Amino acid sequence: MNDVRFGFRSLSKSYGTTKALCDVSFTVTAGEHLAVLGPSGSGKSTALRLLAGLEAPDAGLVLRNGVPVSEPGRILLAPHLRGISMVFQDLALWPNLSAHANVMMGLSGLALSRSEARTRTHEALSLCGIEELADRKPGAMSGGQQQRVALARAVAVRPAFLLMDEPYAGLDLVLKSRLLPEVRELAALQGMTVVLVTHDPWEAMSLCRSAVVLDRGRIVEAGLLTDLLDAPRSDLLRVFQGEFSRHEPEKVAYRTTVCEAVKNAAG
């Protein structure tokens, strides 16, 4: 396991007159899967884009092992050099390309021979269980299959950190319940640390041990998910905790089981 750490130091970002993030500081540590939680418009996706180096902050720093990689108005370390890969909320698949070609395109920024790129593409499709869909275009796939293509494209570059921006939005509960354990197993197999952006604490608990909760661009609480759920300060986690309380005592046992799983989760 690598010992890379990314940090946000007093980070702020605005779009016109809208403040997406305001004076945000937290750390992403290799080996500890992190959930970035919050309601719509809380700044979650902006945080991920700043971490990936897709945008520069207006104020503050993004640090990698204590060294600035982004500063106000400037990207100091390009996205493809950060050891980071990202699965976007809309998946961002090229509709006119096959699954194989989509993954190959994701490798285009690396100095790989065509043979090496084809080998990595095959390995990634196989890891994600969709090698038989290599020649199929996204429009001919189910939502879950498209998710796996986007995931294969992300893991093919062998990142240290896998950023996932609400990747399960729009998917039904059954499909989510299948995909989340697959991501957890894949992360363990590949030695990746996951940063999951979501508004759904259920998703976070299935994959992550720690969380940062944002609201209106500010951090309202952060720490181990189990501790946050014991004494929630955000509206989001209060509502989530209340759902358990409404079904006492049946869900107490379930909550205990889930919390134990979170404590024991790798990362």
C-alpha atoms as a PDB file:
ATOM      1  CA  MET A   1       0.000   0.000   0.000  1.00  0.00           C
ATOM      2  CA  ASN A   2       1.379   3.435  -0.946  1.00  0.00           C
ATOM      3  CA  ASP A   3       1.506   6.206   1.646  1.00  0.00           C
ATOM      4  CA  VAL A   4       0.273   9.073  -0.537  1.00  0.00           C
ATOM      5  CA  ARG A   5      -1.875  11.723   1.119  1.00  0.00           C
ATOM      6  CA  PHE A   6      -3.856  14.472  -0.542  1.00  0.00           C
ATOM      7  CA  GLY A   7      -4.961  17.462   1.453  1.00  0.00           C
ATOM      8  CA  PHE A   8      -7.258  20.441   1.019  1.00  0.00           C
ATOM      9  CA  ARG A   9      -6.031  23.532   2.877  1.00  0.00           C
ATOM     10  CA  SER A  10      -8.540  26.388   3.240  1.00  0.00           C
ATOM     11  CA  LEU A  11      -9.914  25.651  -0.210  1.00  0.00           C
ATOM     12  CA  SER A  12     -12.551  27.877  -1.817  1.00  0.00           C
ATOM     13  CA  LYS A  13     -14.183  27.784  -5.239  1.00  0.00           C
ATOM     14  CA  SER A  14     -16.924  29.905  -6.798  1.00  0.00           C
ATOM     15  CA  TYR A  15     -18.785  29.863 -10.096  1.00  0.00           C
ATOM     16  CA  GLY A  16     -19.858  33.422 -10.768  1.00  0.00           C
ATOM     17  CA  THR A  17     -21.685  34.553  -7.663  1.00  0.00           C
ATOM     18  CA  THR A  18     -22.280  31.004  -6.435  1.00  0.00           C
ATOM     19  CA  LYS A  19     -19.879  29.769  -3.754  1.00  0.00           C
ATOM     20  CA  ALA A  20     -19.384  26.033  -4.303  1.00  0.00           C
ATOM     21  CA  LEU A  21     -16.766  25.567  -1.545  1.00  0.00           C
ATOM     22  CA  CYS A  22     -15.759  27.923   1.232  1.00  0.00           C
ATOM     23  CA  ASP A  23     -12.640  27.465   3.375  1.00  0.00           C
ATOM     24  CA  VAL A  24     -12.649  23.648   3.193  1.00  0.00           C
ATOM     25  CA  SER A  25      -9.824  21.604   4.738  1.00  0.00           C
ATOM     26  CA  PHE A  26      -9.554  17.811   4.937  1.00  0.00           C
ATOM     27  CA  THR A  27      -7.175  14.955   4.110  1.00  0.00           C
ATOM     28  CA  VAL A  28      -7.499  11.924   1.854  1.00  0.00           C
ATOM     29  CA  THR A  29      -5.173   9.156   2.999  1.00  0.00           C
ATOM     30  CA  ALA A  30      -4.159   6.127   0.975  1.00  0.00           C
ATOM     31  CA  GLY A  31      -5.765   2.979   2.316  1.00  0.00           C
ATOM     32  CA  GLU A  32      -8.788   4.682   3.901  1.00  0.00           C
ATOM     33  CA  HIS A  33     -11.837   4.884   1.655  1.00  0.00           C
ATOM     34  CA  LEU A  34     -13.532   8.232   2.137  1.00  0.00           C
ATOM     35  CA  ALA A  35     -17.128   9.283   1.486  1.00  0.00           C
ATOM     36  CA  VAL A  36     -17.890  12.907   0.662  1.00  0.00           C
ATOM     37  CA  LEU A  37     -21.531  13.287   1.684  1.00  0.00           C
ATOM     38  CA  GLY A  38     -24.017  16.084   1.370  1.00  0.00           C
ATOM     39  CA  PRO A  39     -27.241  17.232  -0.264  1.00  0.00           C
ATOM     40  CA  SER A  40     -27.428  18.427  -3.865  1.00  0.00           C
ATOM     41  CA  GLY A  41     -25.494  21.640  -4.357  1.00  0.00           C
ATOM     42  CA  SER A  42     -23.325  21.184  -1.276  1.00  0.00           C
ATOM     43  CA  GLY A  43     -20.030  21.252  -3.214  1.00  0.00           C
ATOM     44  CA  LYS A  44     -19.284  17.511  -3.337  1.00  0.00           C
ATOM     45  CA  SER A  45     -18.549  17.272  -7.061  1.00  0.00           C
ATOM     46  CA  THR A  46     -16.495  20.465  -6.966  1.00  0.00           C
ATOM     47  CA  ALA A  47     -14.310  18.957  -4.242  1.00  0.00           C
ATOM     48  CA  LEU A  48     -13.693  15.900  -6.400  1.00  0.00           C
ATOM     49  CA  ARG A  49     -12.806  17.950  -9.479  1.00  0.00           C
ATOM     50  CA  LEU A  50     -10.345  20.036  -7.468  1.00  0.00           C
ATOM     51  CA  LEU A  51      -8.755  16.900  -6.045  1.00  0.00           C
ATOM     52  CA  ALA A  52      -8.429  15.396  -9.528  1.00  0.00           C
ATOM     53  CA  GLY A  53      -6.855  18.564 -10.906  1.00  0.00           C
ATOM     54  CA  LEU A  54      -9.645  19.200 -13.391  1.00  0.00           C
ATOM     55  CA  GLU A  55     -10.162  22.670 -11.953  1.00  0.00           C
ATOM     56  CA  ALA A  56      -8.069  25.124  -9.943  1.00  0.00           C
ATOM     57  CA  PRO A  57      -9.221  26.658  -6.642  1.00  0.00           C
ATOM     58  CA  ASP A  58      -9.936  30.339  -6.180  1.00  0.00           C
ATOM     59  CA  ALA A  59      -8.219  30.276  -2.789  1.00  0.00           C
ATOM     60  CA  GLY A  60      -6.278  27.732  -0.761  1.00  0.00           C
ATOM     61  CA  LEU A  61      -4.154  24.765  -1.808  1.00  0.00           C
ATOM     62  CA  VAL A  62      -4.466  21.159  -2.898  1.00  0.00           C
ATOM     63  CA  LEU A  63      -1.478  19.261  -1.479  1.00  0.00           C
ATOM     64  CA  ARG A  64       0.079  15.913  -2.337  1.00  0.00           C
ATOM     65  CA  ASN A  65       2.284  14.684   0.514  1.00  0.00           C
ATOM     66  CA  GLY A  66       2.525  18.276   1.707  1.00  0.00           C
ATOM     67  CA  VAL A  67       3.573  19.676  -1.692  1.00  0.00           C
ATOM     68  CA  PRO A  68       1.140  21.993  -3.522  1.00  0.00           C
ATOM     69  CA  VAL A  69      -0.310  20.491  -6.720  1.00  0.00           C
ATOM     70  CA  SER A  70      -2.956  23.208  -7.202  1.00  0.00           C
ATOM     71  CA  GLU A  71      -2.978  26.812  -6.060  1.00  0.00           C
ATOM     72  CA  PRO A  72      -5.299  29.745  -6.721  1.00  0.00           C
ATOM     73  CA  GLY A  73      -5.900  29.883 -10.468  1.00  0.00           C
ATOM     74  CA  ARG A  74      -3.193  27.315 -11.321  1.00  0.00           C
ATOM     75  CA  ILE A  75      -2.845  23.554 -11.770  1.00  0.00           C
ATOM     76  CA  LEU A  76       0.731  22.724 -10.744  1.00  0.00           C
ATOM     77  CA  LEU A  77       0.510  18.956 -11.305  1.00  0.00           C
ATOM     78  CA  ALA A  78      -1.523  17.691 -14.256  1.00  0.00           C
ATOM     79  CA  PRO A  79      -4.407  15.279 -13.571  1.00  0.00           C
ATOM     80  CA  HIS A  80      -2.739  12.298 -15.277  1.00  0.00           C
ATOM     81  CA  LEU A  81       0.332  12.685 -13.045  1.00  0.00           C
ATOM     82  CA  ARG A  82      -1.571  12.578  -9.741  1.00  0.00           C
ATOM     83  CA  GLY A  83      -2.175   8.824  -9.613  1.00  0.00           C
ATOM     84  CA  ILE A  84      -5.895   9.548  -9.724  1.00  0.00           C
ATOM     85  CA  SER A  85      -8.684   8.266 -11.944  1.00  0.00           C
ATOM     86  CA  MET A  86     -12.318   9.321 -11.944  1.00  0.00           C
ATOM     87  CA  VAL A  87     -15.732   7.828 -12.673  1.00  0.00           C
ATOM     88  CA  PHE A  88     -18.039  10.713 -13.548  1.00  0.00           C
ATOM     89  CA  GLN A  89     -21.684  11.016 -12.561  1.00  0.00           C
ATOM     90  CA  ASP A  90     -22.821  10.860 -16.192  1.00  0.00           C
ATOM     91  CA  LEU A  91     -20.110   8.208 -16.869  1.00  0.00           C
ATOM     92  CA  ALA A  92     -18.796  10.297 -19.819  1.00  0.00           C
ATOM     93  CA  LEU A  93     -18.594   7.305 -22.160  1.00  0.00           C
ATOM     94  CA  TRP A  94     -18.028   7.990 -25.850  1.00  0.00           C
ATOM     95  CA  PRO A  95     -21.318   6.801 -27.386  1.00  0.00           C
ATOM     96  CA  ASN A  96     -19.878   5.961 -30.793  1.00  0.00           C
ATOM     97  CA  LEU A  97     -17.066   3.820 -29.395  1.00  0.00           C
ATOM     98  CA  SER A  98     -17.175   0.228 -28.200  1.00  0.00           C
ATOM     99  CA  ALA A  99     -16.401  -0.686 -24.595  1.00  0.00           C
ATOM    100  CA  HIS A 100     -12.908  -1.740 -25.693  1.00  0.00           C
ATOM    101  CA  ALA A 101     -12.315   1.550 -27.506  1.00  0.00           C
ATOM    102  CA  ASN A 102     -13.641   3.578 -24.556  1.00  0.00           C
ATOM    103  CA  VAL A 103     -11.099   1.966 -22.238  1.00  0.00           C
ATOM    104  CA  MET A 104      -8.317   2.384 -24.813  1.00  0.00           C
ATOM    105  CA  MET A 105      -9.123   6.099 -25.063  1.00  0.00           C
ATOM    106  CA  GLY A 106      -8.773   6.376 -21.306  1.00  0.00           C
ATOM    107  CA  LEU A 107      -5.190   5.146 -21.633  1.00  0.00           C
ATOM    108  CA  SER A 108      -4.256   7.607 -24.359  1.00  0.00           C
ATOM    109  CA  GLY A 109      -2.509   9.964 -21.927  1.00  0.00           C
ATOM    110  CA  LEU A 110      -0.046   7.286 -20.835  1.00  0.00           C
ATOM    111  CA  ALA A 111       3.202   6.447 -22.626  1.00  0.00           C
ATOM    112  CA  LEU A 112       2.112   2.910 -23.534  1.00  0.00           C
ATOM    113  CA  SER A 113       2.682   0.984 -26.718  1.00  0.00           C
ATOM    114  CA  ARG A 114      -0.483  -0.096 -28.529  1.00  0.00           C
ATOM    115  CA  SER A 115       0.189  -3.666 -27.458  1.00  0.00           C
ATOM    116  CA  GLU A 116       0.516  -2.644 -23.798  1.00  0.00           C
ATOM    117  CA  ALA A 117      -2.652  -0.558 -23.994  1.00  0.00           C
ATOM    118  CA  ARG A 118      -4.600  -3.450 -25.528  1.00  0.00           C
ATOM    119  CA  THR A 119      -3.366  -5.781 -22.784  1.00  0.00           C
ATOM    120  CA  ARG A 120      -4.389  -3.358 -20.040  1.00  0.00           C
ATOM    121  CA  THR A 121      -7.759  -2.827 -21.704  1.00  0.00           C
ATOM    122  CA  HIS A 122      -8.443  -6.553 -21.826  1.00  0.00           C
ATOM    123  CA  GLU A 123      -7.375  -6.951 -18.191  1.00  0.00           C
ATOM    124  CA  ALA A 124      -9.608  -4.072 -17.043  1.00  0.00           C
ATOM    125  CA  LEU A 125     -12.660  -5.347 -18.919  1.00  0.00           C
ATOM    126  CA  SER A 126     -12.054  -8.809 -17.468  1.00  0.00           C
ATOM    127  CA  LEU A 127     -11.652  -7.447 -13.909  1.00  0.00           C
ATOM    128  CA  CYS A 128     -14.984  -5.645 -14.252  1.00  0.00           C
ATOM    129  CA  GLY A 129     -16.699  -8.741 -15.657  1.00  0.00           C
ATOM    130  CA  ILE A 130     -17.561  -7.324 -19.065  1.00  0.00           C
ATOM    131  CA  GLU A 131     -14.975  -8.828 -21.419  1.00  0.00           C
ATOM    132  CA  GLU A 132     -17.811 -10.294 -23.486  1.00  0.00           C
ATOM    133  CA  LEU A 133     -19.110  -6.747 -24.094  1.00  0.00           C
ATOM    134  CA  ALA A 134     -15.823  -5.479 -25.544  1.00  0.00           C
ATOM    135  CA  ASP A 135     -17.317  -4.803 -28.989  1.00  0.00           C
ATOM    136  CA  ARG A 136     -20.622  -3.366 -27.776  1.00  0.00           C
ATOM    137  CA  LYS A 137     -21.359   0.367 -27.728  1.00  0.00           C
ATOM    138  CA  PRO A 138     -22.857   2.077 -24.639  1.00  0.00           C
ATOM    139  CA  GLY A 139     -26.273   2.513 -26.245  1.00  0.00           C
ATOM    140  CA  ALA A 140     -26.613  -1.258 -26.493  1.00  0.00           C
ATOM    141  CA  MET A 141     -25.814  -1.796 -22.792  1.00  0.00           C
ATOM    142  CA  SER A 142     -27.792  -1.710 -19.565  1.00  0.00           C
ATOM    143  CA  GLY A 143     -27.090   0.944 -16.930  1.00  0.00           C
ATOM    144  CA  GLY A 144     -25.079  -1.521 -14.859  1.00  0.00           C
ATOM    145  CA  GLN A 145     -23.010  -2.568 -17.863  1.00  0.00           C
ATOM    146  CA  GLN A 146     -22.247   1.066 -18.662  1.00  0.00           C
ATOM    147  CA  GLN A 147     -21.159   1.548 -15.065  1.00  0.00           C
ATOM    148  CA  ARG A 148     -18.710  -1.313 -15.446  1.00  0.00           C
ATOM    149  CA  VAL A 149     -17.268   0.146 -18.670  1.00  0.00           C
ATOM    150  CA  ALA A 150     -16.679   3.474 -16.916  1.00  0.00           C
ATOM    151  CA  LEU A 151     -15.083   1.635 -13.997  1.00  0.00           C
ATOM    152  CA  ALA A 152     -12.881  -0.436 -16.334  1.00  0.00           C
ATOM    153  CA  ARG A 153     -11.690   2.744 -18.049  1.00  0.00           C
ATOM    154  CA  ALA A 154     -10.803   4.229 -14.664  1.00  0.00           C
ATOM    155  CA  VAL A 155      -8.943   1.206 -13.273  1.00  0.00           C
ATOM    156  CA  ALA A 156      -7.048   0.506 -16.502  1.00  0.00           C
ATOM    157  CA  VAL A 157      -4.671   3.373 -15.697  1.00  0.00           C
ATOM    158  CA  ARG A 158      -3.899   1.632 -12.365  1.00  0.00           C
ATOM    159  CA  PRO A 159      -4.542   4.658 -10.154  1.00  0.00           C
ATOM    160  CA  ALA A 160      -3.702   4.908  -6.484  1.00  0.00           C
ATOM    161  CA  PHE A 161      -6.961   6.820  -5.918  1.00  0.00           C
ATOM    162  CA  LEU A 162     -10.297   6.094  -7.575  1.00  0.00           C
ATOM    163  CA  LEU A 163     -12.699   9.040  -7.437  1.00  0.00           C
ATOM    164  CA  MET A 164     -16.382   8.240  -7.953  1.00  0.00           C
ATOM    165  CA  ASP A 165     -18.854  11.087  -8.438  1.00  0.00           C
ATOM    166  CA  GLU A 166     -22.340   9.774  -7.565  1.00  0.00           C
ATOM    167  CA  PRO A 167     -21.786   6.793  -9.901  1.00  0.00           C
ATOM    168  CA  TYR A 168     -24.965   5.012  -8.793  1.00  0.00           C
ATOM    169  CA  ALA A 169     -27.404   7.879  -9.315  1.00  0.00           C
ATOM    170  CA  GLY A 170     -30.444   6.575 -11.152  1.00  0.00           C
ATOM    171  CA  LEU A 171     -29.703   2.894 -10.538  1.00  0.00           C
ATOM    172  CA  ASP A 172     -32.158   0.729  -8.651  1.00  0.00           C
ATOM    173  CA  LEU A 173     -31.408  -0.660  -5.196  1.00  0.00           C
ATOM    174  CA  VAL A 174     -30.819  -4.210  -6.439  1.00  0.00           C
ATOM    175  CA  LEU A 175     -28.217  -3.095  -8.959  1.00  0.00           C
ATOM    176  CA  LYS A 176     -26.519  -0.877  -6.374  1.00  0.00           C
ATOM    177  CA  SER A 177     -26.324  -3.810  -3.957  1.00  0.00           C
ATOM    178  CA  ARG A 178     -24.455  -5.792  -6.603  1.00  0.00           C
ATOM    179  CA  LEU A 179     -22.094  -3.075  -7.795  1.00  0.00           C
ATOM    180  CA  LEU A 180     -20.921  -1.671  -4.450  1.00  0.00           C
ATOM    181  CA  PRO A 181     -19.347  -4.930  -3.192  1.00  0.00           C
ATOM    182  CA  GLU A 182     -17.699  -5.349  -6.593  1.00  0.00           C
ATOM    183  CA  VAL A 183     -16.054  -1.937  -6.284  1.00  0.00           C
ATOM    184  CA  ARG A 184     -14.887  -2.763  -2.749  1.00  0.00           C
ATOM    185  CA  GLU A 185     -13.343  -6.046  -3.919  1.00  0.00           C
ATOM    186  CA  LEU A 186     -11.770  -4.439  -6.976  1.00  0.00           C
ATOM    187  CA  ALA A 187     -10.235  -1.682  -4.847  1.00  0.00           C
ATOM    188  CA  ALA A 188      -8.709  -4.282  -2.534  1.00  0.00           C
ATOM    189  CA  LEU A 189      -7.410  -6.312  -5.464  1.00  0.00           C
ATOM    190  CA  GLN A 190      -5.854  -3.303  -7.197  1.00  0.00           C
ATOM    191  CA  GLY A 191      -4.672  -1.499  -4.053  1.00  0.00           C
ATOM    192  CA  MET A 192      -6.805   1.560  -4.804  1.00  0.00           C
ATOM    193  CA  THR A 193      -8.226   4.028  -2.323  1.00  0.00           C
ATOM    194  CA  VAL A 194     -11.793   5.086  -3.133  1.00  0.00           C
ATOM    195  CA  VAL A 195     -13.204   8.574  -2.655  1.00  0.00           C
ATOM    196  CA  LEU A 196     -16.963   8.292  -3.120  1.00  0.00           C
ATOM    197  CA  VAL A 197     -19.147  11.345  -3.605  1.00  0.00           C
ATOM    198  CA  THR A 198     -22.771  10.617  -2.727  1.00  0.00           C
ATOM    199  CA  HIS A 199     -25.850  12.035  -1.021  1.00  0.00           C
ATOM    200  CA  ASP A 200     -26.791   8.532   0.135  1.00  0.00           C
ATOM    201  CA  PRO A 201     -25.321   7.369   3.490  1.00  0.00           C
ATOM    202  CA  TRP A 202     -26.287   3.779   2.623  1.00  0.00           C
ATOM    203  CA  GLU A 203     -23.835   3.835  -0.280  1.00  0.00           C
ATOM    204  CA  ALA A 204     -21.170   5.391   1.921  1.00  0.00           C
ATOM    205  CA  MET A 205     -21.544   2.778   4.654  1.00  0.00           C
ATOM    206  CA  SER A 206     -21.236  -0.087   2.195  1.00  0.00           C
ATOM    207  CA  LEU A 207     -17.829   1.059   1.014  1.00  0.00           C
ATOM    208  CA  CYS A 208     -16.224   3.702   3.224  1.00  0.00           C
ATOM    209  CA  ARG A 209     -14.916   3.916   6.773  1.00  0.00           C
ATOM    210  CA  SER A 210     -14.615   7.692   7.015  1.00  0.00           C
ATOM    211  CA  ALA A 211     -16.687  10.595   5.768  1.00  0.00           C
ATOM    212  CA  VAL A 212     -16.699  14.331   5.229  1.00  0.00           C
ATOM    213  CA  VAL A 213     -20.164  15.907   5.244  1.00  0.00           C
ATOM    214  CA  LEU A 214     -20.626  19.125   3.278  1.00  0.00           C
ATOM    215  CA  ASP A 215     -23.521  21.569   3.317  1.00  0.00           C
ATOM    216  CA  ARG A 216     -23.613  24.816   1.332  1.00  0.00           C
ATOM    217  CA  GLY A 217     -19.931  24.505   0.556  1.00  0.00           C
ATOM    218  CA  ARG A 218     -18.735  24.056   4.128  1.00  0.00           C
ATOM    219  CA  ILE A 219     -17.748  21.028   6.194  1.00  0.00           C
ATOM    220  CA  VAL A 220     -20.338  20.414   8.916  1.00  0.00           C
ATOM    221  CA  GLU A 221     -18.827  17.201  10.289  1.00  0.00           C
ATOM    222  CA  ALA A 222     -16.062  14.717   9.501  1.00  0.00           C
ATOM    223  CA  GLY A 223     -14.607  11.528  10.953  1.00  0.00           C
ATOM    224  CA  LEU A 224     -15.348   7.825  11.202  1.00  0.00           C
ATOM    225  CA  LEU A 225     -18.813   7.030   9.894  1.00  0.00           C
ATOM    226  CA  THR A 226     -19.651   5.019  13.003  1.00  0.00           C
ATOM    227  CA  ASP A 227     -18.793   7.983  15.240  1.00  0.00           C
ATOM    228  CA  LEU A 228     -20.730  10.423  13.060  1.00  0.00           C
ATOM    229  CA  LEU A 229     -23.815   8.229  13.181  1.00  0.00           C
ATOM    230  CA  ASP A 230     -23.612   7.991  16.967  1.00  0.00           C
ATOM    231  CA  ALA A 231     -23.956  11.780  17.299  1.00  0.00           C
ATOM    232  CA  PRO A 232     -24.859  13.330  13.920  1.00  0.00           C
ATOM    233  CA  ARG A 233     -24.644  17.114  13.535  1.00  0.00           C
ATOM    234  CA  SER A 234     -25.737  17.438   9.898  1.00  0.00           C
ATOM    235  CA  ASP A 235     -29.358  17.300   8.757  1.00  0.00           C
ATOM    236  CA  LEU A 236     -28.437  14.521   6.328  1.00  0.00           C
ATOM    237  CA  LEU A 237     -27.082  12.144   8.969  1.00  0.00           C
ATOM    238  CA  ARG A 238     -29.804  13.074  11.469  1.00  0.00           C
ATOM    239  CA  VAL A 239     -32.438  12.001   8.961  1.00  0.00           C
ATOM    240  CA  PHE A 240     -30.499   8.852   8.189  1.00  0.00           C
ATOM    241  CA  GLN A 241     -30.174   7.993  11.865  1.00  0.00           C
ATOM    242  CA  GLY A 242     -33.885   8.684  12.312  1.00  0.00           C
ATOM    243  CA  GLU A 243     -34.741   6.056   9.725  1.00  0.00           C
ATOM    244  CA  PHE A 244     -33.097   3.472  11.957  1.00  0.00           C
ATOM    245  CA  SER A 245     -34.873   4.786  15.055  1.00  0.00           C
ATOM    246  CA  ARG A 246     -38.294   4.569  13.401  1.00  0.00           C
ATOM    247  CA  HIS A 247     -37.845   0.835  12.989  1.00  0.00           C
ATOM    248  CA  GLU A 248     -36.436  -0.056  16.406  1.00  0.00           C
ATOM    249  CA  PRO A 249     -35.612  -2.660  17.541  1.00  0.00           C
ATOM    250  CA  GLU A 250     -35.403  -4.539  14.258  1.00  0.00           C
ATOM    251  CA  LYS A 251     -32.867  -2.207  12.689  1.00  0.00           C
ATOM    252  CA  VAL A 252     -30.665  -1.886  15.745  1.00  0.00           C
ATOM    253  CA  ALA A 253     -29.199  -5.297  15.024  1.00  0.00           C
ATOM    254  CA  TYR A 254     -28.792  -4.386  11.372  1.00  0.00           C
ATOM    255  CA  ARG A 255     -27.129  -1.060  12.226  1.00  0.00           C
ATOM    256  CA  THR A 256     -24.726  -2.857  14.562  1.00  0.00           C
ATOM    257  CA  THR A 257     -23.865  -5.338  11.823  1.00  0.00           C
ATOM    258  CA  VAL A 258     -23.285  -2.583   9.262  1.00  0.00           C
ATOM    259  CA  CYS A 259     -21.202  -0.502  11.652  1.00  0.00           C
ATOM    260  CA  GLU A 260     -19.042  -3.511  12.455  1.00  0.00           C
ATOM    261  CA  ALA A 261     -18.569  -4.079   8.724  1.00  0.00           C
ATOM    262  CA  VAL A 262     -17.507  -0.459   8.300  1.00  0.00           C
ATOM    263  CA  LYS A 263     -15.022  -0.736  11.167  1.00  0.00           C
ATOM    264  CA  ASN A 264     -13.517  -3.873   9.638  1.00  0.00           C
ATOM    265  CA  ALA A 265     -13.568  -2.673   6.025  1.00  0.00           C
ATOM    266  CA  ALA A 266     -10.268  -2.478   4.256  1.00  0.00           C
ATOM    267  CA  GLY A 267      -9.590   1.187   3.959  1.00  0.00           C
END
